[in-house]
Amino acid sequence: VLSILFWPPESKQEQQTTDSLKNGTMMSFLFFLLIPFAAFVVLMLILAYRTLFPKVISHPWPKPSKKIDKTIILAGSYNPPHNGHFEMLRYLSERYTKVIAVVGMNPDKKYDVTPEQRVKMIDKWAAPINKKTGGNIQGKAVSGYIYRYGKSKEVNAKLFFRGIRTWEKDGKDERYLHYLNNFTPVFADHYMPIPTVFIEGDPRYNSISSTVVRNLCNSMKGQKDGGKDGNDAAELSKLVPDIIRADVVEAYASQK
């Protein structure tokens, strides 16, 4: 009551000034509220574009003019590794300074041939190549989300590569995984995903599959002549490098 009696009422000009300040404060609040929303929308559009229009390196692969100073990951099961995998790794090692062949693993699953065994095969194949290139190919068994391994400080991978036969043949199956790789890091860990590049296989090896290699190894089980009068051994020699062929046969021919 006293304020009403003794406090002079605001003039029309003062009232306009007060309203202007209030409006300015509200506009500033809305502006700063819209900035993260707009950034989120832009991010979703970028990731949607990546998902809908993936980058694919077709064969014949472009010849690199010089090595790019980046660590990249070529992830797969490598169960077992074969010439199709190794031809991609060889090419990527000529293009980038460090190439990690990541063998994905589920720690709760029991494997006939462990991821660690497969990593040893990859490293054994890579050893003579690394002597020439300065040691830029290595195998690594990784459990859980591979993108978290790639984002770790000790790795700091800049690109993920996925080997495919062609996008027409494998794109449909790869699309869902590509979607997860793009959006899961944002919502689960709140950081930008590592971009994924699909690399089409060398047509000479596109007919090779790990299943074919495992079946050949099983048919050679307990047969000193290499199975079927040596035909299986001869066929396997076309699928797996000489340096690890004995390791592949020993590991996969012993499967139950």
C-alpha atoms as a PDB file:
ATOM      1  CA  VAL A   1       0.000   0.000   0.000  1.00  0.00           C
ATOM      2  CA  LEU A   2       2.843   2.371   0.948  1.00  0.00           C
ATOM      3  CA  SER A   3       4.596   1.680  -2.353  1.00  0.00           C
ATOM      4  CA  ILE A   4       1.432   2.601  -4.157  1.00  0.00           C
ATOM      5  CA  LEU A   5       1.001   5.765  -2.102  1.00  0.00           C
ATOM      6  CA  PHE A   6       4.548   7.007  -2.100  1.00  0.00           C
ATOM      7  CA  TRP A   7       6.299   5.358  -5.124  1.00  0.00           C
ATOM      8  CA  PRO A   8       5.629   7.415  -8.172  1.00  0.00           C
ATOM      9  CA  PRO A   9       4.114   5.489 -11.046  1.00  0.00           C
ATOM     10  CA  GLU A  10       6.296   4.793 -14.084  1.00  0.00           C
ATOM     11  CA  SER A  11       5.998   7.189 -16.899  1.00  0.00           C
ATOM     12  CA  LYS A  12       4.962   5.957 -20.322  1.00  0.00           C
ATOM     13  CA  GLN A  13       8.567   6.252 -21.527  1.00  0.00           C
ATOM     14  CA  GLU A  14       9.890   4.276 -18.543  1.00  0.00           C
ATOM     15  CA  GLN A  15       7.285   1.592 -19.142  1.00  0.00           C
ATOM     16  CA  GLN A  16       8.360   1.291 -22.773  1.00  0.00           C
ATOM     17  CA  THR A  17      12.007   1.005 -21.693  1.00  0.00           C
ATOM     18  CA  THR A  18      11.148  -1.747 -19.203  1.00  0.00           C
ATOM     19  CA  ASP A  19       9.130  -3.642 -21.809  1.00  0.00           C
ATOM     20  CA  SER A  20      11.955  -3.273 -24.315  1.00  0.00           C
ATOM     21  CA  LEU A  21      14.460  -4.739 -21.827  1.00  0.00           C
ATOM     22  CA  LYS A  22      12.133  -7.641 -21.095  1.00  0.00           C
ATOM     23  CA  ASN A  23      11.645  -8.320 -24.789  1.00  0.00           C
ATOM     24  CA  GLY A  24      15.399  -8.137 -25.384  1.00  0.00           C
ATOM     25  CA  THR A  25      16.071 -10.584 -22.569  1.00  0.00           C
ATOM     26  CA  MET A  26      13.461 -12.976 -23.927  1.00  0.00           C
ATOM     27  CA  MET A  27      14.886 -12.749 -27.438  1.00  0.00           C
ATOM     28  CA  SER A  28      18.396 -13.431 -26.145  1.00  0.00           C
ATOM     29  CA  PHE A  29      17.099 -16.441 -24.208  1.00  0.00           C
ATOM     30  CA  LEU A  30      15.332 -17.821 -27.278  1.00  0.00           C
ATOM     31  CA  PHE A  31      18.414 -17.168 -29.429  1.00  0.00           C
ATOM     32  CA  PHE A  32      20.735 -19.126 -27.125  1.00  0.00           C
ATOM     33  CA  LEU A  33      18.104 -21.846 -26.829  1.00  0.00           C
ATOM     34  CA  LEU A  34      17.896 -22.188 -30.603  1.00  0.00           C
ATOM     35  CA  ILE A  35      21.669 -22.436 -31.164  1.00  0.00           C
ATOM     36  CA  PRO A  36      22.062 -26.016 -29.784  1.00  0.00           C
ATOM     37  CA  PHE A  37      18.797 -27.051 -31.431  1.00  0.00           C
ATOM     38  CA  ALA A  38      19.977 -25.753 -34.812  1.00  0.00           C
ATOM     39  CA  ALA A  39      23.362 -27.451 -34.338  1.00  0.00           C
ATOM     40  CA  PHE A  40      21.600 -30.737 -33.527  1.00  0.00           C
ATOM     41  CA  VAL A  41      19.428 -30.463 -36.648  1.00  0.00           C
ATOM     42  CA  VAL A  42      22.489 -29.779 -38.823  1.00  0.00           C
ATOM     43  CA  LEU A  43      24.305 -32.758 -37.269  1.00  0.00           C
ATOM     44  CA  MET A  44      21.347 -35.060 -37.945  1.00  0.00           C
ATOM     45  CA  LEU A  45      21.216 -33.883 -41.552  1.00  0.00           C
ATOM     46  CA  ILE A  46      24.945 -34.552 -41.996  1.00  0.00           C
ATOM     47  CA  LEU A  47      24.637 -38.061 -40.533  1.00  0.00           C
ATOM     48  CA  ALA A  48      21.523 -38.777 -42.576  1.00  0.00           C
ATOM     49  CA  TYR A  49      23.391 -37.749 -45.718  1.00  0.00           C
ATOM     50  CA  ARG A  50      26.338 -39.997 -44.782  1.00  0.00           C
ATOM     51  CA  THR A  51      23.953 -42.901 -44.226  1.00  0.00           C
ATOM     52  CA  LEU A  52      21.915 -42.430 -47.383  1.00  0.00           C
ATOM     53  CA  PHE A  53      24.882 -41.650 -49.634  1.00  0.00           C
ATOM     54  CA  PRO A  54      27.846 -43.651 -48.314  1.00  0.00           C
ATOM     55  CA  LYS A  55      31.319 -43.195 -49.726  1.00  0.00           C
ATOM     56  CA  VAL A  56      32.353 -46.237 -51.770  1.00  0.00           C
ATOM     57  CA  ILE A  57      35.793 -46.855 -53.283  1.00  0.00           C
ATOM     58  CA  SER A  58      35.283 -48.925 -56.405  1.00  0.00           C
ATOM     59  CA  HIS A  59      37.794 -51.271 -57.977  1.00  0.00           C
ATOM     60  CA  PRO A  60      40.205 -50.632 -59.608  1.00  0.00           C
ATOM     61  CA  TRP A  61      41.272 -48.638 -56.565  1.00  0.00           C
ATOM     62  CA  PRO A  62      42.777 -45.204 -57.212  1.00  0.00           C
ATOM     63  CA  LYS A  63      46.543 -45.261 -57.008  1.00  0.00           C
ATOM     64  CA  PRO A  64      47.721 -43.203 -54.022  1.00  0.00           C
ATOM     65  CA  SER A  65      50.190 -40.440 -54.881  1.00  0.00           C
ATOM     66  CA  LYS A  66      51.510 -40.309 -51.317  1.00  0.00           C
ATOM     67  CA  LYS A  67      50.621 -41.666 -47.900  1.00  0.00           C
ATOM     68  CA  ILE A  68      48.006 -39.800 -45.899  1.00  0.00           C
ATOM     69  CA  ASP A  69      49.011 -39.284 -42.276  1.00  0.00           C
ATOM     70  CA  LYS A  70      46.005 -41.004 -40.705  1.00  0.00           C
ATOM     71  CA  THR A  71      45.229 -44.102 -38.676  1.00  0.00           C
ATOM     72  CA  ILE A  72      42.436 -46.139 -40.231  1.00  0.00           C
ATOM     73  CA  ILE A  73      40.585 -49.311 -39.219  1.00  0.00           C
ATOM     74  CA  LEU A  74      39.453 -52.188 -41.420  1.00  0.00           C
ATOM     75  CA  ALA A  75      37.102 -54.171 -39.214  1.00  0.00           C
ATOM     76  CA  GLY A  76      35.859 -57.700 -39.825  1.00  0.00           C
ATOM     77  CA  SER A  77      35.640 -61.191 -38.400  1.00  0.00           C
ATOM     78  CA  TYR A  78      38.674 -62.475 -40.350  1.00  0.00           C
ATOM     79  CA  ASN A  79      37.446 -65.977 -39.608  1.00  0.00           C
ATOM     80  CA  PRO A  80      39.839 -66.924 -41.148  1.00  0.00           C
ATOM     81  CA  PRO A  81      41.708 -64.112 -42.900  1.00  0.00           C
ATOM     82  CA  HIS A  82      42.170 -64.746 -46.625  1.00  0.00           C
ATOM     83  CA  ASN A  83      43.516 -63.137 -49.784  1.00  0.00           C
ATOM     84  CA  GLY A  84      40.470 -60.890 -50.153  1.00  0.00           C
ATOM     85  CA  HIS A  85      41.171 -59.307 -46.759  1.00  0.00           C
ATOM     86  CA  PHE A  86      44.900 -59.087 -47.323  1.00  0.00           C
ATOM     87  CA  GLU A  87      44.644 -57.389 -50.704  1.00  0.00           C
ATOM     88  CA  MET A  88      42.563 -54.625 -49.093  1.00  0.00           C
ATOM     89  CA  LEU A  89      44.993 -54.287 -46.182  1.00  0.00           C
ATOM     90  CA  ARG A  90      47.919 -54.110 -48.594  1.00  0.00           C
ATOM     91  CA  TYR A  91      46.281 -51.309 -50.570  1.00  0.00           C
ATOM     92  CA  LEU A  92      45.253 -49.338 -47.472  1.00  0.00           C
ATOM     93  CA  SER A  93      48.791 -49.619 -46.090  1.00  0.00           C
ATOM     94  CA  GLU A  94      50.034 -47.893 -49.247  1.00  0.00           C
ATOM     95  CA  ARG A  95      47.488 -45.117 -48.768  1.00  0.00           C
ATOM     96  CA  TYR A  96      47.625 -44.466 -44.992  1.00  0.00           C
ATOM     97  CA  THR A  97      50.402 -44.324 -42.407  1.00  0.00           C
ATOM     98  CA  LYS A  98      48.784 -46.826 -40.017  1.00  0.00           C
ATOM     99  CA  VAL A  99      46.273 -49.601 -40.711  1.00  0.00           C
ATOM    100  CA  ILE A 100      44.621 -51.627 -37.952  1.00  0.00           C
ATOM    101  CA  ALA A 101      42.835 -54.857 -38.877  1.00  0.00           C
ATOM    102  CA  VAL A 102      40.283 -55.068 -36.064  1.00  0.00           C
ATOM    103  CA  VAL A 103      38.870 -58.499 -35.283  1.00  0.00           C
ATOM    104  CA  GLY A 104      35.533 -57.909 -33.571  1.00  0.00           C
ATOM    105  CA  MET A 105      34.769 -60.180 -30.647  1.00  0.00           C
ATOM    106  CA  ASN A 106      32.062 -60.898 -28.095  1.00  0.00           C
ATOM    107  CA  PRO A 107      33.696 -61.624 -24.709  1.00  0.00           C
ATOM    108  CA  ASP A 108      30.739 -63.829 -23.730  1.00  0.00           C
ATOM    109  CA  LYS A 109      31.002 -66.028 -26.825  1.00  0.00           C
ATOM    110  CA  LYS A 110      33.214 -69.097 -27.126  1.00  0.00           C
ATOM    111  CA  TYR A 111      35.098 -69.299 -30.438  1.00  0.00           C
ATOM    112  CA  ASP A 112      36.531 -72.421 -32.088  1.00  0.00           C
ATOM    113  CA  VAL A 113      39.356 -70.221 -33.346  1.00  0.00           C
ATOM    114  CA  THR A 114      39.859 -67.297 -31.003  1.00  0.00           C
ATOM    115  CA  PRO A 115      40.143 -63.698 -32.183  1.00  0.00           C
ATOM    116  CA  GLU A 116      43.662 -63.675 -30.757  1.00  0.00           C
ATOM    117  CA  GLN A 117      44.629 -66.599 -33.009  1.00  0.00           C
ATOM    118  CA  ARG A 118      43.295 -64.715 -36.023  1.00  0.00           C
ATOM    119  CA  VAL A 119      45.228 -61.603 -35.001  1.00  0.00           C
ATOM    120  CA  LYS A 120      48.419 -63.684 -34.907  1.00  0.00           C
ATOM    121  CA  MET A 121      47.734 -64.847 -38.474  1.00  0.00           C
ATOM    122  CA  ILE A 122      47.232 -61.249 -39.626  1.00  0.00           C
ATOM    123  CA  ASP A 123      50.411 -60.083 -37.894  1.00  0.00           C
ATOM    124  CA  LYS A 124      52.404 -62.992 -39.327  1.00  0.00           C
ATOM    125  CA  TRP A 125      51.269 -62.113 -42.844  1.00  0.00           C
ATOM    126  CA  ALA A 126      51.941 -58.405 -42.233  1.00  0.00           C
ATOM    127  CA  ALA A 127      55.463 -58.856 -40.801  1.00  0.00           C
ATOM    128  CA  PRO A 128      57.411 -58.944 -44.123  1.00  0.00           C
ATOM    129  CA  ILE A 129      55.288 -56.118 -45.536  1.00  0.00           C
ATOM    130  CA  ASN A 130      55.889 -54.001 -42.443  1.00  0.00           C
ATOM    131  CA  LYS A 131      59.643 -54.345 -42.942  1.00  0.00           C
ATOM    132  CA  LYS A 132      59.238 -52.566 -46.251  1.00  0.00           C
ATOM    133  CA  THR A 133      56.660 -49.982 -45.142  1.00  0.00           C
ATOM    134  CA  GLY A 134      57.956 -49.201 -41.648  1.00  0.00           C
ATOM    135  CA  GLY A 135      55.468 -51.323 -39.723  1.00  0.00           C
ATOM    136  CA  ASN A 136      52.103 -49.774 -40.510  1.00  0.00           C
ATOM    137  CA  ILE A 137      49.795 -52.854 -40.462  1.00  0.00           C
ATOM    138  CA  GLN A 138      48.733 -54.563 -37.257  1.00  0.00           C
ATOM    139  CA  GLY A 139      45.945 -56.821 -36.040  1.00  0.00           C
ATOM    140  CA  LYS A 140      43.892 -56.149 -32.926  1.00  0.00           C
ATOM    141  CA  ALA A 141      41.105 -58.086 -31.205  1.00  0.00           C
ATOM    142  CA  VAL A 142      38.469 -55.692 -29.866  1.00  0.00           C
ATOM    143  CA  SER A 143      35.422 -56.446 -27.738  1.00  0.00           C
ATOM    144  CA  GLY A 144      32.423 -54.163 -27.498  1.00  0.00           C
ATOM    145  CA  TYR A 145      31.843 -51.184 -29.752  1.00  0.00           C
ATOM    146  CA  ILE A 146      34.705 -50.822 -32.204  1.00  0.00           C
ATOM    147  CA  TYR A 147      34.070 -47.088 -32.585  1.00  0.00           C
ATOM    148  CA  ARG A 148      34.986 -46.609 -28.901  1.00  0.00           C
ATOM    149  CA  TYR A 149      38.298 -48.319 -29.529  1.00  0.00           C
ATOM    150  CA  GLY A 150      38.823 -46.156 -32.605  1.00  0.00           C
ATOM    151  CA  LYS A 151      38.035 -42.977 -30.649  1.00  0.00           C
ATOM    152  CA  SER A 152      40.433 -43.817 -27.815  1.00  0.00           C
ATOM    153  CA  LYS A 153      43.425 -41.491 -27.392  1.00  0.00           C
ATOM    154  CA  GLU A 154      45.970 -44.216 -28.125  1.00  0.00           C
ATOM    155  CA  VAL A 155      44.308 -45.037 -31.465  1.00  0.00           C
ATOM    156  CA  ASN A 156      42.626 -41.819 -32.671  1.00  0.00           C
ATOM    157  CA  ALA A 157      41.387 -43.423 -35.892  1.00  0.00           C
ATOM    158  CA  LYS A 158      40.161 -41.022 -38.554  1.00  0.00           C
ATOM    159  CA  LEU A 159      38.358 -43.479 -40.834  1.00  0.00           C
ATOM    160  CA  PHE A 160      36.578 -46.820 -40.667  1.00  0.00           C
ATOM    161  CA  PHE A 161      36.737 -49.051 -43.722  1.00  0.00           C
ATOM    162  CA  ARG A 162      34.342 -51.879 -44.500  1.00  0.00           C
ATOM    163  CA  GLY A 163      35.222 -54.432 -47.150  1.00  0.00           C
ATOM    164  CA  ILE A 164      32.397 -55.398 -49.529  1.00  0.00           C
ATOM    165  CA  ARG A 165      32.120 -57.202 -52.848  1.00  0.00           C
ATOM    166  CA  THR A 166      30.135 -54.353 -54.440  1.00  0.00           C
ATOM    167  CA  TRP A 167      27.587 -51.943 -52.990  1.00  0.00           C
ATOM    168  CA  GLU A 168      24.911 -53.477 -55.243  1.00  0.00           C
ATOM    169  CA  LYS A 169      25.533 -56.927 -53.729  1.00  0.00           C
ATOM    170  CA  ASP A 170      26.255 -56.055 -50.094  1.00  0.00           C
ATOM    171  CA  GLY A 171      24.844 -52.563 -49.594  1.00  0.00           C
ATOM    172  CA  LYS A 172      21.479 -53.732 -48.322  1.00  0.00           C
ATOM    173  CA  ASP A 173      23.082 -55.833 -45.578  1.00  0.00           C
ATOM    174  CA  GLU A 174      25.592 -53.095 -44.703  1.00  0.00           C
ATOM    175  CA  ARG A 175      23.040 -50.280 -44.474  1.00  0.00           C
ATOM    176  CA  TYR A 176      21.784 -51.090 -40.957  1.00  0.00           C
ATOM    177  CA  LEU A 177      25.293 -51.412 -39.510  1.00  0.00           C
ATOM    178  CA  HIS A 178      26.227 -48.176 -41.261  1.00  0.00           C
ATOM    179  CA  TYR A 179      23.236 -46.493 -39.605  1.00  0.00           C
ATOM    180  CA  LEU A 180      24.345 -47.735 -36.177  1.00  0.00           C
ATOM    181  CA  ASN A 181      27.942 -46.612 -36.735  1.00  0.00           C
ATOM    182  CA  ASN A 182      26.726 -43.120 -37.626  1.00  0.00           C
ATOM    183  CA  PHE A 183      24.133 -42.509 -34.919  1.00  0.00           C
ATOM    184  CA  THR A 184      25.103 -44.650 -31.904  1.00  0.00           C
ATOM    185  CA  PRO A 185      28.208 -42.586 -30.976  1.00  0.00           C
ATOM    186  CA  VAL A 186      26.092 -39.405 -30.938  1.00  0.00           C
ATOM    187  CA  PHE A 187      23.329 -40.700 -28.691  1.00  0.00           C
ATOM    188  CA  ALA A 188      25.351 -43.137 -26.561  1.00  0.00           C
ATOM    189  CA  ASP A 189      28.613 -41.231 -26.109  1.00  0.00           C
ATOM    190  CA  HIS A 190      27.837 -37.693 -27.304  1.00  0.00           C
ATOM    191  CA  TYR A 191      30.559 -37.324 -29.922  1.00  0.00           C
ATOM    192  CA  MET A 192      30.886 -37.276 -33.672  1.00  0.00           C
ATOM    193  CA  PRO A 193      31.169 -40.725 -35.272  1.00  0.00           C
ATOM    194  CA  ILE A 194      34.221 -41.803 -37.230  1.00  0.00           C
ATOM    195  CA  PRO A 195      33.314 -41.650 -40.942  1.00  0.00           C
ATOM    196  CA  THR A 196      32.925 -45.017 -42.683  1.00  0.00           C
ATOM    197  CA  VAL A 197      34.226 -45.727 -46.178  1.00  0.00           C
ATOM    198  CA  PHE A 198      33.252 -48.858 -48.087  1.00  0.00           C
ATOM    199  CA  ILE A 199      35.916 -50.446 -50.243  1.00  0.00           C
ATOM    200  CA  GLU A 200      34.917 -52.877 -52.984  1.00  0.00           C
ATOM    201  CA  GLY A 201      37.016 -56.014 -53.204  1.00  0.00           C
ATOM    202  CA  ASP A 202      39.421 -57.007 -55.939  1.00  0.00           C
ATOM    203  CA  PRO A 203      37.260 -59.022 -58.394  1.00  0.00           C
ATOM    204  CA  ARG A 204      39.922 -61.769 -58.392  1.00  0.00           C
ATOM    205  CA  TYR A 205      39.030 -62.541 -54.781  1.00  0.00           C
ATOM    206  CA  ASN A 206      35.338 -61.623 -54.547  1.00  0.00           C
ATOM    207  CA  SER A 207      34.343 -65.268 -54.797  1.00  0.00           C
ATOM    208  CA  ILE A 208      36.423 -66.081 -51.715  1.00  0.00           C
ATOM    209  CA  SER A 209      34.616 -66.335 -48.402  1.00  0.00           C
ATOM    210  CA  SER A 210      35.748 -67.404 -44.973  1.00  0.00           C
ATOM    211  CA  THR A 211      33.144 -70.182 -45.118  1.00  0.00           C
ATOM    212  CA  VAL A 212      34.758 -71.649 -48.249  1.00  0.00           C
ATOM    213  CA  VAL A 213      38.175 -71.605 -46.542  1.00  0.00           C
ATOM    214  CA  ARG A 214      36.816 -73.279 -43.387  1.00  0.00           C
ATOM    215  CA  ASN A 215      35.115 -76.004 -45.431  1.00  0.00           C
ATOM    216  CA  LEU A 216      38.323 -76.744 -47.317  1.00  0.00           C
ATOM    217  CA  CYS A 217      40.260 -76.971 -44.068  1.00  0.00           C
ATOM    218  CA  ASN A 218      37.683 -79.385 -42.638  1.00  0.00           C
ATOM    219  CA  SER A 219      37.872 -81.596 -45.707  1.00  0.00           C
ATOM    220  CA  MET A 220      41.657 -81.785 -45.215  1.00  0.00           C
ATOM    221  CA  LYS A 221      41.340 -82.894 -41.600  1.00  0.00           C
ATOM    222  CA  GLY A 222      43.609 -85.858 -40.899  1.00  0.00           C
ATOM    223  CA  GLN A 223      44.654 -86.214 -44.531  1.00  0.00           C
ATOM    224  CA  LYS A 224      48.369 -85.897 -45.166  1.00  0.00           C
ATOM    225  CA  ASP A 225      47.947 -85.536 -48.922  1.00  0.00           C
ATOM    226  CA  GLY A 226      45.915 -82.377 -48.523  1.00  0.00           C
ATOM    227  CA  GLY A 227      42.534 -84.034 -49.068  1.00  0.00           C
ATOM    228  CA  LYS A 228      41.046 -85.438 -52.258  1.00  0.00           C
ATOM    229  CA  ASP A 229      44.417 -86.353 -53.726  1.00  0.00           C
ATOM    230  CA  GLY A 230      45.819 -82.917 -52.938  1.00  0.00           C
ATOM    231  CA  ASN A 231      43.105 -80.976 -54.764  1.00  0.00           C
ATOM    232  CA  ASP A 232      41.868 -79.291 -51.582  1.00  0.00           C
ATOM    233  CA  ALA A 233      45.381 -78.160 -50.674  1.00  0.00           C
ATOM    234  CA  ALA A 234      45.864 -76.789 -54.189  1.00  0.00           C
ATOM    235  CA  GLU A 235      42.556 -74.944 -53.981  1.00  0.00           C
ATOM    236  CA  LEU A 236      43.389 -73.549 -50.563  1.00  0.00           C
ATOM    237  CA  SER A 237      46.667 -72.182 -51.914  1.00  0.00           C
ATOM    238  CA  LYS A 238      44.604 -69.864 -54.136  1.00  0.00           C
ATOM    239  CA  LEU A 239      42.665 -68.507 -51.170  1.00  0.00           C
ATOM    240  CA  VAL A 240      45.196 -68.079 -48.372  1.00  0.00           C
ATOM    241  CA  PRO A 241      48.785 -66.702 -48.485  1.00  0.00           C
ATOM    242  CA  ASP A 242      51.580 -69.259 -48.218  1.00  0.00           C
ATOM    243  CA  ILE A 243      52.998 -67.666 -45.083  1.00  0.00           C
ATOM    244  CA  ILE A 244      49.922 -68.491 -42.965  1.00  0.00           C
ATOM    245  CA  ARG A 245      48.413 -71.453 -44.823  1.00  0.00           C
ATOM    246  CA  ALA A 246      49.729 -74.039 -42.348  1.00  0.00           C
ATOM    247  CA  ASP A 247      48.410 -71.973 -39.431  1.00  0.00           C
ATOM    248  CA  VAL A 248      44.972 -71.692 -41.039  1.00  0.00           C
ATOM    249  CA  VAL A 249      44.780 -75.427 -41.714  1.00  0.00           C
ATOM    250  CA  GLU A 250      45.956 -76.328 -38.223  1.00  0.00           C
ATOM    251  CA  ALA A 251      43.468 -73.996 -36.561  1.00  0.00           C
ATOM    252  CA  TYR A 252      40.398 -74.668 -38.709  1.00  0.00           C
ATOM    253  CA  ALA A 253      40.888 -78.346 -39.520  1.00  0.00           C
ATOM    254  CA  SER A 254      40.779 -79.043 -35.780  1.00  0.00           C
ATOM    255  CA  GLN A 255      37.277 -77.580 -35.414  1.00  0.00           C
ATOM    256  CA  LYS A 256      34.586 -79.972 -34.304  1.00  0.00           C
END
